PDB file of N, CA and C in Angstrom:
ATOM      1  N   MET A   1    -127.542  12.538  -6.496  1.00  0.00           N
ATOM      2  CA  MET A   1    -126.899  13.104  -5.331  1.00  0.00           C
ATOM      3  C   MET A   1    -125.506  12.466  -5.174  1.00  0.00           C
ATOM      4  N   PRO A   2    -124.444  13.270  -5.073  1.00  0.00           N
ATOM      5  CA  PRO A   2    -123.102  12.719  -4.953  1.00  0.00           C
ATOM      6  C   PRO A   2    -122.904  12.001  -3.617  1.00  0.00           C
ATOM      7  N   ASN A   3    -122.161  10.922  -3.689  1.00  0.00           N
ATOM      8  CA  ASN A   3    -121.866  10.128  -2.504  1.00  0.00           C
ATOM      9  C   ASN A   3    -120.573  10.634  -1.864  1.00  0.00           C
ATOM     10  N   PRO A   4    -120.637  11.137  -0.605  1.00  0.00           N
ATOM     11  CA  PRO A   4    -119.432  11.684   0.023  1.00  0.00           C
ATOM     12  C   PRO A   4    -118.334  10.628   0.221  1.00  0.00           C
ATOM     13  N   LEU A   5    -118.730   9.389   0.435  1.00  0.00           N
ATOM     14  CA  LEU A   5    -117.736   8.324   0.605  1.00  0.00           C
ATOM     15  C   LEU A   5    -116.960   8.105  -0.683  1.00  0.00           C
ATOM     16  N   ASN A   6    -117.653   8.131  -1.810  1.00  0.00           N
ATOM     17  CA  ASN A   6    -116.964   7.981  -3.097  1.00  0.00           C
ATOM     18  C   ASN A   6    -115.984   9.127  -3.337  1.00  0.00           C
ATOM     19  N   ALA A   7    -116.388  10.329  -2.970  1.00  0.00           N
ATOM     20  CA  ALA A   7    -115.505  11.489  -3.140  1.00  0.00           C
ATOM     21  C   ALA A   7    -114.269  11.344  -2.263  1.00  0.00           C
ATOM     22  N   MET A   8    -114.454  10.869  -1.029  1.00  0.00           N
ATOM     23  CA  MET A   8    -113.306  10.675  -0.136  1.00  0.00           C
ATOM     24  C   MET A   8    -112.380   9.585  -0.662  1.00  0.00           C
ATOM     25  N   LEU A   9    -112.946   8.525  -1.183  1.00  0.00           N
ATOM     26  CA  LEU A   9    -112.130   7.440  -1.739  1.00  0.00           C
ATOM     27  C   LEU A   9    -111.338   7.924  -2.944  1.00  0.00           C
ATOM     28  N   LYS A  10    -111.960   8.743  -3.755  1.00  0.00           N
ATOM     29  CA  LYS A  10    -111.268   9.290  -4.919  1.00  0.00           C
ATOM     30  C   LYS A  10    -110.105  10.182  -4.473  1.00  0.00           C
ATOM     31  N   GLN A  11    -110.343  10.998  -3.450  1.00  0.00           N
ATOM     32  CA  GLN A  11    -109.276  11.847  -2.929  1.00  0.00           C
ATOM     33  C   GLN A  11    -108.136  11.000  -2.368  1.00  0.00           C
ATOM     34  N   ALA A  12    -108.481   9.922  -1.668  1.00  0.00           N
ATOM     35  CA  ALA A  12    -107.460   9.036  -1.104  1.00  0.00           C
ATOM     36  C   ALA A  12    -106.642   8.381  -2.218  1.00  0.00           C
ATOM     37  N   GLN A  13    -107.294   7.984  -3.304  1.00  0.00           N
ATOM     38  CA  GLN A  13    -106.581   7.376  -4.429  1.00  0.00           C
ATOM     39  C   GLN A  13    -105.647   8.387  -5.089  1.00  0.00           C
ATOM     40  N   GLU A  14    -106.117   9.614  -5.219  1.00  0.00           N
ATOM     41  CA  GLU A  14    -105.278  10.667  -5.804  1.00  0.00           C
ATOM     42  C   GLU A  14    -104.073  10.951  -4.909  1.00  0.00           C
ATOM     43  N   LEU A  15    -104.297  10.981  -3.609  1.00  0.00           N
ATOM     44  CA  LEU A  15    -103.205  11.198  -2.657  1.00  0.00           C
ATOM     45  C   LEU A  15    -102.192  10.057  -2.739  1.00  0.00           C
ATOM     46  N   GLN A  16    -102.680   8.832  -2.834  1.00  0.00           N
ATOM     47  CA  GLN A  16    -101.785   7.688  -2.937  1.00  0.00           C
ATOM     48  C   GLN A  16    -100.935   7.787  -4.208  1.00  0.00           C
ATOM     49  N   LYS A  17    -101.539   8.185  -5.299  1.00  0.00           N
ATOM     50  CA  LYS A  17    -100.809   8.329  -6.552  1.00  0.00           C
ATOM     51  C   LYS A  17     -99.725   9.403  -6.426  1.00  0.00           C
ATOM     52  N   LYS A  18    -100.078  10.529  -5.785  1.00  0.00           N
ATOM     53  CA  LYS A  18     -99.101  11.601  -5.582  1.00  0.00           C
ATOM     54  C   LYS A  18     -97.957  11.143  -4.687  1.00  0.00           C
ATOM     55  N   MET A  19     -98.281  10.360  -3.665  1.00  0.00           N
ATOM     56  CA  MET A  19     -97.249   9.871  -2.754  1.00  0.00           C
ATOM     57  C   MET A  19     -96.296   8.915  -3.470  1.00  0.00           C
ATOM     58  N   GLU A  20     -96.826   8.060  -4.333  1.00  0.00           N
ATOM     59  CA  GLU A  20     -95.976   7.154  -5.109  1.00  0.00           C
ATOM     60  C   GLU A  20     -95.057   7.948  -6.034  1.00  0.00           C
ATOM     61  N   GLN A  21     -95.603   8.975  -6.654  1.00  0.00           N
ATOM     62  CA  GLN A  21     -94.808   9.828  -7.534  1.00  0.00           C
ATOM     63  C   GLN A  21     -93.711  10.522  -6.733  1.00  0.00           C
ATOM     64  N   LEU A  22     -94.057  10.988  -5.535  1.00  0.00           N
ATOM     65  CA  LEU A  22     -93.069  11.647  -4.679  1.00  0.00           C
ATOM     66  C   LEU A  22     -91.939  10.697  -4.313  1.00  0.00           C
ATOM     67  N   GLN A  23     -92.263   9.449  -4.018  1.00  0.00           N
ATOM     68  CA  GLN A  23     -91.219   8.468  -3.683  1.00  0.00           C
ATOM     69  C   GLN A  23     -90.237   8.326  -4.846  1.00  0.00           C
ATOM     70  N   ASP A  24     -90.743   8.307  -6.057  1.00  0.00           N
ATOM     71  CA  ASP A  24     -89.868   8.232  -7.236  1.00  0.00           C
ATOM     72  C   ASP A  24     -88.998   9.479  -7.349  1.00  0.00           C
ATOM     73  N   GLU A  25     -89.603  10.640  -7.106  1.00  0.00           N
ATOM     74  CA  GLU A  25     -88.853  11.899  -7.190  1.00  0.00           C
ATOM     75  C   GLU A  25     -87.775  11.971  -6.112  1.00  0.00           C
ATOM     76  N   LEU A  26     -88.077  11.469  -4.920  1.00  0.00           N
ATOM     77  CA  LEU A  26     -87.100  11.500  -3.832  1.00  0.00           C
ATOM     78  C   LEU A  26     -85.877  10.639  -4.147  1.00  0.00           C
ATOM     79  N   MET A  27     -86.062   9.600  -4.942  1.00  0.00           N
ATOM     80  CA  MET A  27     -84.924   8.755  -5.330  1.00  0.00           C
ATOM     81  C   MET A  27     -83.911   9.559  -6.139  1.00  0.00           C
ATOM     82  N   GLU A  28     -84.377  10.592  -6.838  1.00  0.00           N
ATOM     83  CA  GLU A  28     -83.503  11.376  -7.705  1.00  0.00           C
ATOM     84  C   GLU A  28     -82.865  12.571  -6.992  1.00  0.00           C
ATOM     85  N   LYS A  29     -83.442  12.995  -5.885  1.00  0.00           N
ATOM     86  CA  LYS A  29     -82.904  14.158  -5.172  1.00  0.00           C
ATOM     87  C   LYS A  29     -81.687  13.748  -4.353  1.00  0.00           C
ATOM     88  N   ARG A  30     -80.779  14.698  -4.147  1.00  0.00           N
ATOM     89  CA  ARG A  30     -79.550  14.441  -3.392  1.00  0.00           C
ATOM     90  C   ARG A  30     -79.360  15.501  -2.317  1.00  0.00           C
ATOM     91  N   VAL A  31     -78.942  15.049  -1.140  1.00  0.00           N
ATOM     92  CA  VAL A  31     -78.541  15.946  -0.066  1.00  0.00           C
ATOM     93  C   VAL A  31     -77.224  15.421   0.475  1.00  0.00           C
ATOM     94  N   GLU A  32     -76.462  16.314   1.105  1.00  0.00           N
ATOM     95  CA  GLU A  32     -75.182  15.858   1.631  1.00  0.00           C
ATOM     96  C   GLU A  32     -74.988  16.306   3.065  1.00  0.00           C
ATOM     97  N   GLY A  33     -74.202  15.520   3.749  1.00  0.00           N
ATOM     98  CA  GLY A  33     -73.788  15.852   5.101  1.00  0.00           C
ATOM     99  C   GLY A  33     -72.277  15.743   5.136  1.00  0.00           C
ATOM    100  N   SER A  34     -71.667  16.533   5.989  1.00  0.00           N
ATOM    101  CA  SER A  34     -70.212  16.478   6.052  1.00  0.00           C
ATOM    102  C   SER A  34     -69.745  16.545   7.490  1.00  0.00           C
ATOM    103  N   ALA A  35     -68.512  16.145   7.695  1.00  0.00           N
ATOM    104  CA  ALA A  35     -67.912  16.166   9.030  1.00  0.00           C
ATOM    105  C   ALA A  35     -66.427  16.461   8.867  1.00  0.00           C
ATOM    106  N   GLY A  36     -65.850  16.911   9.977  1.00  0.00           N
ATOM    107  CA  GLY A  36     -64.413  17.197   9.944  1.00  0.00           C
ATOM    108  C   GLY A  36     -64.069  18.347   9.024  1.00  0.00           C
ATOM    109  N   GLY A  37     -64.928  19.354   8.990  1.00  0.00           N
ATOM    110  CA  GLY A  37     -64.659  20.498   8.123  1.00  0.00           C
ATOM    111  C   GLY A  37     -64.663  20.134   6.648  1.00  0.00           C
ATOM    112  N   GLY A  38     -65.484  19.161   6.294  1.00  0.00           N
ATOM    113  CA  GLY A  38     -65.587  18.752   4.888  1.00  0.00           C
ATOM    114  C   GLY A  38     -64.623  17.639   4.498  1.00  0.00           C
ATOM    115  N   MET A  39     -63.920  17.096   5.467  1.00  0.00           N
ATOM    116  CA  MET A  39     -62.979  16.012   5.145  1.00  0.00           C
ATOM    117  C   MET A  39     -63.714  14.740   4.731  1.00  0.00           C
ATOM    118  N   VAL A  40     -64.942  14.569   5.249  1.00  0.00           N
ATOM    119  CA  VAL A  40     -65.774  13.430   4.870  1.00  0.00           C
ATOM    120  C   VAL A  40     -67.140  13.980   4.473  1.00  0.00           C
ATOM    121  N   THR A  41     -67.599  13.604   3.296  1.00  0.00           N
ATOM    122  CA  THR A  41     -68.903  14.040   2.806  1.00  0.00           C
ATOM    123  C   THR A  41     -69.700  12.821   2.372  1.00  0.00           C
ATOM    124  N   ALA A  42     -70.896  12.694   2.921  1.00  0.00           N
ATOM    125  CA  ALA A  42     -71.805  11.622   2.539  1.00  0.00           C
ATOM    126  C   ALA A  42     -72.938  12.226   1.730  1.00  0.00           C
ATOM    127  N   ILE A  43     -73.289  11.581   0.641  1.00  0.00           N
ATOM    128  CA  ILE A  43     -74.381  12.040  -0.212  1.00  0.00           C
ATOM    129  C   ILE A  43     -75.445  10.944  -0.214  1.00  0.00           C
ATOM    130  N   VAL A  44     -76.677  11.350   0.116  1.00  0.00           N
ATOM    131  CA  VAL A  44     -77.785  10.407   0.137  1.00  0.00           C
ATOM    132  C   VAL A  44     -78.894  10.928  -0.759  1.00  0.00           C
ATOM    133  N   ASN A  45     -79.755  10.003  -1.192  1.00  0.00           N
ATOM    134  CA  ASN A  45     -80.906  10.436  -1.971  1.00  0.00           C
ATOM    135  C   ASN A  45     -82.004  10.881  -1.011  1.00  0.00           C
ATOM    136  N   GLY A  46     -83.093  11.357  -1.551  1.00  0.00           N
ATOM    137  CA  GLY A  46     -84.171  11.883  -0.730  1.00  0.00           C
ATOM    138  C   GLY A  46     -84.865  10.853   0.122  1.00  0.00           C
ATOM    139  N   ARG A  47     -84.551   9.587  -0.086  1.00  0.00           N
ATOM    140  CA  ARG A  47     -85.123   8.525   0.740  1.00  0.00           C
ATOM    141  C   ARG A  47     -84.139   8.077   1.815  1.00  0.00           C
ATOM    142  N   GLY A  48     -82.983   8.758   1.902  1.00  0.00           N
ATOM    143  CA  GLY A  48     -82.020   8.457   2.951  1.00  0.00           C
ATOM    144  C   GLY A  48     -81.037   7.355   2.610  1.00  0.00           C
ATOM    145  N   GLU A  49     -81.001   6.929   1.361  1.00  0.00           N
ATOM    146  CA  GLU A  49     -80.080   5.877   0.944  1.00  0.00           C
ATOM    147  C   GLU A  49     -78.779   6.517   0.480  1.00  0.00           C
ATOM    148  N   MET A  50     -77.661   6.083   1.059  1.00  0.00           N
ATOM    149  CA  MET A  50     -76.376   6.669   0.689  1.00  0.00           C
ATOM    150  C   MET A  50     -76.026   6.275  -0.743  1.00  0.00           C
ATOM    151  N   VAL A  51     -75.664   7.286  -1.538  1.00  0.00           N
ATOM    152  CA  VAL A  51     -75.321   7.043  -2.936  1.00  0.00           C
ATOM    153  C   VAL A  51     -73.862   7.366  -3.236  1.00  0.00           C
ATOM    154  N   ASP A  52     -73.195   8.110  -2.339  1.00  0.00           N
ATOM    155  CA  ASP A  52     -71.795   8.442  -2.570  1.00  0.00           C
ATOM    156  C   ASP A  52     -71.146   8.826  -1.246  1.00  0.00           C
ATOM    157  N   LEU A  53     -69.845   8.627  -1.180  1.00  0.00           N
ATOM    158  CA  LEU A  53     -69.065   8.984  -0.012  1.00  0.00           C
ATOM    159  C   LEU A  53     -67.734   9.524  -0.495  1.00  0.00           C
ATOM    160  N   LYS A  54     -67.383  10.701  -0.033  1.00  0.00           N
ATOM    161  CA  LYS A  54     -66.114  11.315  -0.435  1.00  0.00           C
ATOM    162  C   LYS A  54     -65.262  11.502   0.818  1.00  0.00           C
ATOM    163  N   ILE A  55     -63.995  11.067   0.724  1.00  0.00           N
ATOM    164  CA  ILE A  55     -63.073  11.178   1.851  1.00  0.00           C
ATOM    165  C   ILE A  55     -61.814  11.881   1.371  1.00  0.00           C
ATOM    166  N   ASP A  56     -61.505  12.991   2.020  1.00  0.00           N
ATOM    167  CA  ASP A  56     -60.271  13.719   1.733  1.00  0.00           C
ATOM    168  C   ASP A  56     -59.105  12.827   2.146  1.00  0.00           C
ATOM    169  N   PRO A  57     -58.121  12.632   1.269  1.00  0.00           N
ATOM    170  CA  PRO A  57     -56.987  11.773   1.611  1.00  0.00           C
ATOM    171  C   PRO A  57     -56.292  12.166   2.917  1.00  0.00           C
ATOM    172  N   GLU A  58     -56.368  13.435   3.287  1.00  0.00           N
ATOM    173  CA  GLU A  58     -55.744  13.865   4.537  1.00  0.00           C
ATOM    174  C   GLU A  58     -56.467  13.308   5.761  1.00  0.00           C
ATOM    175  N   ALA A  59     -57.714  12.844   5.576  1.00  0.00           N
ATOM    176  CA  ALA A  59     -58.473  12.281   6.689  1.00  0.00           C
ATOM    177  C   ALA A  59     -58.050  10.848   6.984  1.00  0.00           C
ATOM    178  N   VAL A  60     -57.278  10.264   6.079  1.00  0.00           N
ATOM    179  CA  VAL A  60     -56.879   8.865   6.232  1.00  0.00           C
ATOM    180  C   VAL A  60     -55.542   8.795   6.965  1.00  0.00           C
ATOM    181  N   ASP A  61     -55.624   8.367   8.216  1.00  0.00           N
ATOM    182  CA  ASP A  61     -54.433   8.190   9.039  1.00  0.00           C
ATOM    183  C   ASP A  61     -54.441   6.737   9.508  1.00  0.00           C
ATOM    184  N   PRO A  62     -53.563   5.896   8.957  1.00  0.00           N
ATOM    185  CA  PRO A  62     -53.554   4.480   9.337  1.00  0.00           C
ATOM    186  C   PRO A  62     -53.348   4.272  10.842  1.00  0.00           C
ATOM    187  N   GLU A  63     -52.790   5.256  11.506  1.00  0.00           N
ATOM    188  CA  GLU A  63     -52.555   5.149  12.943  1.00  0.00           C
ATOM    189  C   GLU A  63     -53.800   5.479  13.771  1.00  0.00           C
ATOM    190  N   ASP A  64     -54.778   6.125  13.143  1.00  0.00           N
ATOM    191  CA  ASP A  64     -55.973   6.529  13.882  1.00  0.00           C
ATOM    192  C   ASP A  64     -57.222   6.356  13.017  1.00  0.00           C
ATOM    193  N   VAL A  65     -57.575   5.125  12.758  1.00  0.00           N
ATOM    194  CA  VAL A  65     -58.727   4.798  11.924  1.00  0.00           C
ATOM    195  C   VAL A  65     -60.032   5.195  12.618  1.00  0.00           C
ATOM    196  N   GLU A  66     -60.051   5.205  13.938  1.00  0.00           N
ATOM    197  CA  GLU A  66     -61.274   5.526  14.666  1.00  0.00           C
ATOM    198  C   GLU A  66     -61.787   6.923  14.354  1.00  0.00           C
ATOM    199  N   ILE A  67     -60.910   7.875  14.180  1.00  0.00           N
ATOM    200  CA  ILE A  67     -61.360   9.233  13.835  1.00  0.00           C
ATOM    201  C   ILE A  67     -62.065   9.223  12.488  1.00  0.00           C
ATOM    202  N   LEU A  68     -61.497   8.542  11.505  1.00  0.00           N
ATOM    203  CA  LEU A  68     -62.124   8.451  10.188  1.00  0.00           C
ATOM    204  C   LEU A  68     -63.488   7.779  10.296  1.00  0.00           C
ATOM    205  N   GLU A  69     -63.576   6.716  11.070  1.00  0.00           N
ATOM    206  CA  GLU A  69     -64.854   6.030  11.241  1.00  0.00           C
ATOM    207  C   GLU A  69     -65.896   6.967  11.854  1.00  0.00           C
ATOM    208  N   ASP A  70     -65.485   7.718  12.862  1.00  0.00           N
ATOM    209  CA  ASP A  70     -66.400   8.666  13.498  1.00  0.00           C
ATOM    210  C   ASP A  70     -66.865   9.744  12.519  1.00  0.00           C
ATOM    211  N   LEU A  71     -65.938  10.218  11.686  1.00  0.00           N
ATOM    212  CA  LEU A  71     -66.301  11.238  10.699  1.00  0.00           C
ATOM    213  C   LEU A  71     -67.300  10.691   9.686  1.00  0.00           C
ATOM    214  N   ILE A  72     -67.103   9.462   9.276  1.00  0.00           N
ATOM    215  CA  ILE A  72     -68.026   8.845   8.315  1.00  0.00           C
ATOM    216  C   ILE A  72     -69.414   8.723   8.930  1.00  0.00           C
ATOM    217  N   VAL A  73     -69.487   8.227  10.140  1.00  0.00           N
ATOM    218  CA  VAL A  73     -70.784   8.074  10.808  1.00  0.00           C
ATOM    219  C   VAL A  73     -71.468   9.431  10.951  1.00  0.00           C
ATOM    220  N   ALA A  74     -70.741  10.444  11.366  1.00  0.00           N
ATOM    221  CA  ALA A  74     -71.318  11.775  11.541  1.00  0.00           C
ATOM    222  C   ALA A  74     -71.834  12.339  10.217  1.00  0.00           C
ATOM    223  N   ALA A  75     -71.051  12.181   9.161  1.00  0.00           N
ATOM    224  CA  ALA A  75     -71.461  12.710   7.859  1.00  0.00           C
ATOM    225  C   ALA A  75     -72.703  11.988   7.340  1.00  0.00           C
ATOM    226  N   VAL A  76     -72.738  10.668   7.476  1.00  0.00           N
ATOM    227  CA  VAL A  76     -73.891   9.900   7.004  1.00  0.00           C
ATOM    228  C   VAL A  76     -75.134  10.263   7.815  1.00  0.00           C
ATOM    229  N   ASN A  77     -74.985  10.371   9.117  1.00  0.00           N
ATOM    230  CA  ASN A  77     -76.141  10.736   9.950  1.00  0.00           C
ATOM    231  C   ASN A  77     -76.676  12.115   9.595  1.00  0.00           C
ATOM    232  N   GLN A  78     -75.788  13.060   9.364  1.00  0.00           N
ATOM    233  CA  GLN A  78     -76.223  14.405   8.996  1.00  0.00           C
ATOM    234  C   GLN A  78     -76.950  14.386   7.652  1.00  0.00           C
ATOM    235  N   ALA A  79     -76.421  13.656   6.697  1.00  0.00           N
ATOM    236  CA  ALA A  79     -77.056  13.585   5.379  1.00  0.00           C
ATOM    237  C   ALA A  79     -78.426  12.914   5.465  1.00  0.00           C
ATOM    238  N   ARG A  80     -78.518  11.851   6.228  1.00  0.00           N
ATOM    239  CA  ARG A  80     -79.811  11.153   6.372  1.00  0.00           C
ATOM    240  C   ARG A  80     -80.841  12.036   7.059  1.00  0.00           C
ATOM    241  N   GLU A  81     -80.417  12.824   8.030  1.00  0.00           N
ATOM    242  CA  GLU A  81     -81.330  13.747   8.700  1.00  0.00           C
ATOM    243  C   GLU A  81     -81.851  14.790   7.706  1.00  0.00           C
ATOM    244  N   LYS A  82     -80.960  15.299   6.863  1.00  0.00           N
ATOM    245  CA  LYS A  82     -81.387  16.264   5.846  1.00  0.00           C
ATOM    246  C   LYS A  82     -82.352  15.620   4.854  1.00  0.00           C
ATOM    247  N   ALA A  83     -82.093  14.365   4.505  1.00  0.00           N
ATOM    248  CA  ALA A  83     -82.982  13.663   3.574  1.00  0.00           C
ATOM    249  C   ALA A  83     -84.359  13.479   4.204  1.00  0.00           C
ATOM    250  N   GLN A  84     -84.402  13.172   5.486  1.00  0.00           N
ATOM    251  CA  GLN A  84     -85.675  13.012   6.169  1.00  0.00           C
ATOM    252  C   GLN A  84     -86.441  14.336   6.185  1.00  0.00           C
ATOM    253  N   GLN A  85     -85.751  15.424   6.450  1.00  0.00           N
ATOM    254  CA  GLN A  85     -86.397  16.734   6.442  1.00  0.00           C
ATOM    255  C   GLN A  85     -86.934  17.067   5.053  1.00  0.00           C
ATOM    256  N   LEU A  86     -86.143  16.760   4.022  1.00  0.00           N
ATOM    257  CA  LEU A  86     -86.578  16.997   2.644  1.00  0.00           C
ATOM    258  C   LEU A  86     -87.837  16.196   2.341  1.00  0.00           C
ATOM    259  N   ALA A  87     -87.838  14.924   2.713  1.00  0.00           N
ATOM    260  CA  ALA A  87     -88.997  14.074   2.449  1.00  0.00           C
ATOM    261  C   ALA A  87     -90.232  14.597   3.171  1.00  0.00           C
ATOM    262  N   GLN A  88     -90.069  15.036   4.417  1.00  0.00           N
ATOM    263  CA  GLN A  88     -91.205  15.575   5.166  1.00  0.00           C
ATOM    264  C   GLN A  88     -91.751  16.840   4.510  1.00  0.00           C
ATOM    265  N   GLU A  89     -90.851  17.719   4.083  1.00  0.00           N
ATOM    266  CA  GLU A  89     -91.291  18.955   3.420  1.00  0.00           C
ATOM    267  C   GLU A  89     -92.051  18.643   2.141  1.00  0.00           C
ATOM    268  N   GLU A  90     -91.521  17.722   1.348  1.00  0.00           N
ATOM    269  CA  GLU A  90     -92.177  17.371   0.089  1.00  0.00           C
ATOM    270  C   GLU A  90     -93.521  16.699   0.344  1.00  0.00           C
ATOM    271  N   MET A  91     -93.587  15.847   1.364  1.00  0.00           N
ATOM    272  CA  MET A  91     -94.836  15.153   1.682  1.00  0.00           C
ATOM    273  C   MET A  91     -95.889  16.148   2.154  1.00  0.00           C
ATOM    274  N   ARG A  92     -95.478  17.128   2.948  1.00  0.00           N
ATOM    275  CA  ARG A  92     -96.439  18.142   3.411  1.00  0.00           C
ATOM    276  C   ARG A  92     -97.020  18.923   2.233  1.00  0.00           C
ATOM    277  N   LYS A  93     -96.206  19.132   1.199  1.00  0.00           N
ATOM    278  CA  LYS A  93     -96.694  19.864   0.032  1.00  0.00           C
ATOM    279  C   LYS A  93     -97.858  19.138  -0.633  1.00  0.00           C
ATOM    280  N   ILE A  94     -97.749  17.817  -0.728  1.00  0.00           N
ATOM    281  CA  ILE A  94     -98.803  17.085  -1.446  1.00  0.00           C
ATOM    282  C   ILE A  94     -99.968  16.689  -0.549  1.00  0.00           C
ATOM    283  N   THR A  95     -99.763  16.719   0.779  1.00  0.00           N
ATOM    284  CA  THR A  95    -100.852  16.327   1.669  1.00  0.00           C
ATOM    285  C   THR A  95    -101.508  17.519   2.344  1.00  0.00           C
ATOM    286  N   GLY A  96    -101.026  18.699   2.051  1.00  0.00           N
ATOM    287  CA  GLY A  96    -101.602  19.882   2.674  1.00  0.00           C
ATOM    288  C   GLY A  96    -101.316  19.958   4.157  1.00  0.00           C
ATOM    289  N   GLY A  97    -100.195  19.387   4.567  1.00  0.00           N
ATOM    290  CA  GLY A  97     -99.796  19.456   5.964  1.00  0.00           C
ATOM    291  C   GLY A  97    -100.447  18.424   6.853  1.00  0.00           C
ATOM    292  N   MET A  98    -100.996  17.372   6.288  1.00  0.00           N
ATOM    293  CA  MET A  98    -101.669  16.363   7.099  1.00  0.00           C
ATOM    294  C   MET A  98    -100.704  15.397   7.766  1.00  0.00           C
ATOM    295  N   LEU A  99     -99.403  15.625   7.651  1.00  0.00           N
ATOM    296  CA  LEU A  99     -98.415  14.753   8.277  1.00  0.00           C
ATOM    297  C   LEU A  99     -97.605  15.544   9.300  1.00  0.00           C
ATOM    298  N   PRO A 100     -98.202  15.942  10.387  1.00  0.00           N
ATOM    299  CA  PRO A 100     -97.499  16.804  11.329  1.00  0.00           C
ATOM    300  C   PRO A 100     -96.309  16.150  11.997  1.00  0.00           C
ATOM    301  N   GLN A 101     -96.306  14.840  12.147  1.00  0.00           N
ATOM    302  CA  GLN A 101     -95.214  14.158  12.823  1.00  0.00           C
ATOM    303  C   GLN A 101     -94.310  13.423  11.844  1.00  0.00           C
ATOM    304  N   GLY A 102     -94.233  13.856  10.618  1.00  0.00           N
ATOM    305  CA  GLY A 102     -93.349  13.215   9.663  1.00  0.00           C
ATOM    306  C   GLY A 102     -94.084  12.220   8.802  1.00  0.00           C
ATOM    307  N   LEU A 103     -93.368  11.228   8.330  1.00  0.00           N
ATOM    308  CA  LEU A 103     -93.916  10.269   7.380  1.00  0.00           C
ATOM    309  C   LEU A 103     -94.559   9.063   8.053  1.00  0.00           C
ATOM    310  N   GLY A 104     -94.527   9.026   9.376  1.00  0.00           N
ATOM    311  CA  GLY A 104     -94.972   7.843  10.088  1.00  0.00           C
ATOM    312  C   GLY A 104     -96.394   7.424   9.782  1.00  0.00           C
ATOM    313  N   GLY A 105     -97.324   8.306   9.863  1.00  0.00           N
ATOM    314  CA  GLY A 105     -98.710   7.930   9.647  1.00  0.00           C
ATOM    315  C   GLY A 105     -99.494   9.084   9.065  1.00  0.00           C
ATOM    316  N   ILE A 106    -100.276   8.777   8.088  1.00  0.00           N
ATOM    317  CA  ILE A 106    -101.073   9.817   7.439  1.00  0.00           C
ATOM    318  C   ILE A 106    -102.287  10.092   8.305  1.00  0.00           C
ATOM    319  N   LYS A 107    -102.521  11.333   8.602  1.00  0.00           N
ATOM    320  CA  LYS A 107    -103.677  11.713   9.390  1.00  0.00           C
ATOM    321  C   LYS A 107    -104.567  12.587   8.514  1.00  0.00           C
ATOM    322  N   ILE A 108    -105.666  12.009   8.074  1.00  0.00           N
ATOM    323  CA  ILE A 108    -106.596  12.731   7.231  1.00  0.00           C
ATOM    324  C   ILE A 108    -107.805  13.096   8.084  1.00  0.00           C
ATOM    325  N   PRO A 109    -108.008  14.382   8.334  1.00  0.00           N
ATOM    326  CA  PRO A 109    -109.127  14.806   9.194  1.00  0.00           C
ATOM    327  C   PRO A 109    -110.454  14.237   8.705  1.00  0.00           C
ATOM    328  N   GLY A 110    -111.196  13.687   9.641  1.00  0.00           N
ATOM    329  CA  GLY A 110    -112.521  13.153   9.321  1.00  0.00           C
ATOM    330  C   GLY A 110    -112.508  11.759   8.737  1.00  0.00           C
ATOM    331  N   LEU A 111    -111.326  11.213   8.440  1.00  0.00           N
ATOM    332  CA  LEU A 111    -111.268   9.893   7.839  1.00  0.00           C
ATOM    333  C   LEU A 111    -110.853   8.851   8.861  1.00  0.00           C
ATOM    334  N   PHE A 112    -109.930   9.211   9.753  1.00  0.00           N
ATOM    335  CA  PHE A 112    -109.448   8.258  10.767  1.00  0.00           C
ATOM    336  C   PHE A 112    -109.665   8.824  12.145  1.00  0.00           C
TER     337      PHE A 112
END
């Protein structure tokens, strides 16, 4: 007679393996955010880590550095938000939608 606990543990191990694989895949994916009509573009990987920043030379005004700083912050925040959405979408694919509130906590029906 099969043990239901063993089957659940096996499923949990398979899910963990898929999640680890997804983390590796997210490192390779890229999303971008921009501000100032594209004058500043931030590129982050699927885990939200910034990997590149592009600044149009016209955005650089030595007399008004604060605008450039604001554009950088806006572009990075937009890119990180897109990366978070990407990660959530990918995680839902492998968990069958068991992460309704994002990546914070895995909710497996009947297990917790």
